[in-house]
N, C-alpha and C. Protein backbone atom coordinates (compact mmCIF):
# COMPACT_ATOMS: atom_id res chain seq x y z
N UNK A 1 125.15 139.55 55.13
CA UNK A 1 126.46 139.75 55.77
C UNK A 1 127.33 140.42 54.67
N UNK A 2 128.28 141.19 55.06
CA UNK A 2 129.12 142.09 54.15
C UNK A 2 129.99 141.25 53.30
N UNK A 3 130.31 140.02 53.48
CA UNK A 3 131.20 139.26 52.64
C UNK A 3 130.87 137.80 52.59
N UNK A 4 131.28 137.22 51.46
CA UNK A 4 131.02 135.79 51.35
C UNK A 4 131.73 134.92 52.40
N UNK A 5 132.87 135.34 52.73
CA UNK A 5 133.66 134.63 53.78
C UNK A 5 132.90 134.65 55.13
N UNK A 6 132.26 135.72 55.43
CA UNK A 6 131.54 135.78 56.74
C UNK A 6 130.21 135.03 56.71
N UNK A 7 129.61 135.04 55.56
CA UNK A 7 128.48 134.19 55.31
C UNK A 7 128.80 132.75 55.46
N UNK A 8 129.86 132.24 54.77
CA UNK A 8 130.25 130.91 54.87
C UNK A 8 130.68 130.58 56.32
N UNK A 9 131.27 131.37 57.16
CA UNK A 9 131.52 131.17 58.57
C UNK A 9 130.31 131.06 59.29
N UNK A 10 129.34 131.96 59.12
CA UNK A 10 128.12 131.96 59.84
C UNK A 10 127.34 130.57 59.60
N UNK A 11 127.32 130.12 58.26
CA UNK A 11 126.60 128.92 57.88
C UNK A 11 127.33 127.70 58.56
N UNK A 12 128.66 127.75 58.57
CA UNK A 12 129.43 126.63 59.19
C UNK A 12 129.09 126.54 60.70
N UNK A 13 129.29 127.69 61.40
CA UNK A 13 129.09 127.61 62.85
C UNK A 13 127.72 127.35 63.16
N UNK A 14 126.71 127.90 62.40
CA UNK A 14 125.30 127.54 62.75
C UNK A 14 125.10 126.04 62.49
N UNK A 15 125.61 125.47 61.49
CA UNK A 15 125.57 124.04 61.25
C UNK A 15 126.15 123.25 62.34
N UNK A 16 127.29 123.71 62.80
CA UNK A 16 127.95 123.05 64.01
C UNK A 16 127.02 122.98 65.21
N UNK A 17 126.20 123.96 65.43
CA UNK A 17 125.22 124.05 66.58
C UNK A 17 123.93 123.45 66.22
N UNK A 18 123.77 122.77 65.08
CA UNK A 18 122.48 121.94 64.80
C UNK A 18 121.59 122.91 64.20
N UNK A 19 121.87 124.14 63.69
CA UNK A 19 121.04 125.10 62.97
C UNK A 19 121.32 124.91 61.43
N UNK A 20 120.39 124.14 60.82
CA UNK A 20 120.69 123.75 59.36
C UNK A 20 119.73 124.43 58.45
N UNK A 21 119.96 124.30 57.15
CA UNK A 21 119.12 124.74 56.14
C UNK A 21 118.95 126.26 56.15
N UNK A 22 119.98 127.04 56.45
CA UNK A 22 119.94 128.50 56.49
C UNK A 22 120.59 129.05 55.21
N UNK A 23 121.10 128.34 54.28
CA UNK A 23 121.65 128.86 53.04
C UNK A 23 120.54 129.44 52.21
N UNK A 24 120.81 130.62 51.67
CA UNK A 24 119.88 131.31 50.83
C UNK A 24 119.52 130.60 49.50
N UNK A 25 118.62 131.11 48.77
CA UNK A 25 118.36 130.43 47.50
C UNK A 25 119.60 130.47 46.55
N UNK A 26 119.75 129.56 45.85
CA UNK A 26 120.94 129.42 44.97
C UNK A 26 120.97 130.55 44.03
N UNK A 27 119.97 131.12 43.55
CA UNK A 27 119.99 132.28 42.59
C UNK A 27 120.27 133.65 43.28
N UNK A 28 120.11 133.65 44.63
CA UNK A 28 120.22 134.94 45.37
C UNK A 28 121.39 134.92 46.32
N UNK A 29 121.51 133.70 46.86
CA UNK A 29 122.69 133.63 47.92
C UNK A 29 122.14 134.13 49.30
N UNK A 30 123.18 134.41 50.11
CA UNK A 30 122.96 134.88 51.47
C UNK A 30 122.41 133.95 52.39
N UNK A 31 121.56 134.33 53.46
CA UNK A 31 121.08 133.56 54.37
C UNK A 31 119.55 133.78 54.58
N UNK A 32 118.85 132.60 54.83
CA UNK A 32 117.46 132.89 55.11
C UNK A 32 116.91 131.69 56.05
N UNK A 33 116.07 132.06 56.97
CA UNK A 33 115.58 131.27 57.94
C UNK A 33 114.05 131.05 57.59
N UNK A 34 113.62 129.84 57.32
CA UNK A 34 112.21 129.48 57.11
C UNK A 34 111.64 129.11 58.42
N UNK A 35 110.93 129.88 59.14
CA UNK A 35 110.23 129.60 60.25
C UNK A 35 108.75 129.51 60.14
N UNK A 36 108.33 128.24 60.13
CA UNK A 36 106.85 127.88 59.95
C UNK A 36 106.25 127.60 61.32
N UNK A 37 104.98 127.46 61.25
CA UNK A 37 104.17 127.08 62.50
C UNK A 37 104.83 125.82 63.18
N UNK A 38 105.30 124.90 62.44
CA UNK A 38 105.79 123.63 63.05
C UNK A 38 107.21 123.81 63.66
N UNK A 39 107.80 125.01 63.40
CA UNK A 39 109.10 125.23 64.13
C UNK A 39 109.01 125.41 65.62
N UNK A 40 109.59 124.54 66.40
CA UNK A 40 109.41 124.75 67.87
C UNK A 40 109.95 126.12 68.36
N UNK A 41 109.27 126.65 69.31
CA UNK A 41 109.73 127.95 69.95
C UNK A 41 111.18 127.95 70.35
N UNK A 42 111.76 126.76 70.92
CA UNK A 42 113.00 126.65 71.33
C UNK A 42 113.99 126.76 70.10
N UNK A 43 113.57 126.24 68.97
CA UNK A 43 114.45 126.49 67.83
C UNK A 43 114.66 127.92 67.42
N UNK A 44 113.44 128.62 67.44
CA UNK A 44 113.60 130.05 67.25
C UNK A 44 114.51 130.78 68.11
N UNK A 45 114.32 130.52 69.36
CA UNK A 45 115.29 131.12 70.39
C UNK A 45 116.67 130.67 70.19
N UNK A 46 117.00 129.43 69.79
CA UNK A 46 118.36 129.05 69.51
C UNK A 46 118.90 129.69 68.37
N UNK A 47 118.17 130.09 67.26
CA UNK A 47 118.67 130.70 66.13
C UNK A 47 118.91 132.22 66.53
N UNK A 48 117.92 132.83 67.33
CA UNK A 48 118.10 134.14 67.80
C UNK A 48 119.39 134.36 68.59
N UNK A 49 119.56 133.40 69.50
CA UNK A 49 120.83 133.46 70.48
C UNK A 49 122.08 133.29 69.55
N UNK A 50 122.07 132.39 68.59
CA UNK A 50 123.28 132.27 67.74
C UNK A 50 123.46 133.44 66.90
N UNK A 51 122.50 134.05 66.40
CA UNK A 51 122.71 135.26 65.49
C UNK A 51 123.16 136.42 66.38
N UNK A 52 122.78 136.61 67.55
CA UNK A 52 123.19 137.70 68.40
C UNK A 52 124.67 137.48 68.75
N UNK A 53 125.02 136.18 69.20
CA UNK A 53 126.33 135.80 69.48
C UNK A 53 127.32 136.09 68.28
N UNK A 54 126.85 135.68 67.14
CA UNK A 54 127.74 135.80 65.99
C UNK A 54 127.87 137.27 65.69
N UNK A 55 126.79 138.05 65.83
CA UNK A 55 126.98 139.50 65.53
C UNK A 55 127.98 140.28 66.53
N UNK A 56 127.89 139.85 67.76
CA UNK A 56 128.82 140.34 68.70
C UNK A 56 130.26 139.87 68.45
N UNK A 57 130.52 138.65 68.19
CA UNK A 57 131.76 138.09 67.94
C UNK A 57 132.52 138.71 66.72
N UNK A 58 131.63 139.08 65.68
CA UNK A 58 132.23 139.48 64.43
C UNK A 58 131.94 141.03 64.16
N UNK A 59 131.49 141.74 65.09
CA UNK A 59 131.24 143.19 64.88
C UNK A 59 130.50 143.43 63.54
N UNK A 60 129.52 142.71 63.37
CA UNK A 60 128.61 142.93 62.14
C UNK A 60 127.84 144.15 62.35
N UNK A 61 127.52 144.83 61.22
CA UNK A 61 126.63 145.97 61.39
C UNK A 61 125.32 145.57 60.97
N UNK A 62 124.32 146.21 61.54
CA UNK A 62 122.81 145.78 61.14
C UNK A 62 122.41 146.62 60.00
C-alpha cells in the first residue's frame, strides 16, 4: 500500500473481520498472506472479498 497509515488501517480492519496474521515480516514490513494447503477455501474467499472492498473504499492503485 502507498503509505504506512493505509497499511495500518488495512491490518486493523482485516483483524476486526477475523483476518489475522497479515503483517509483513518485521524486516520488510507491508502485508503478506500465507495461504497453505490447510487454509480453508472460505478463508481465501473472505480475504479476497475484504481486499476488494478495501481497494474500492480507499481508491488504491494496483
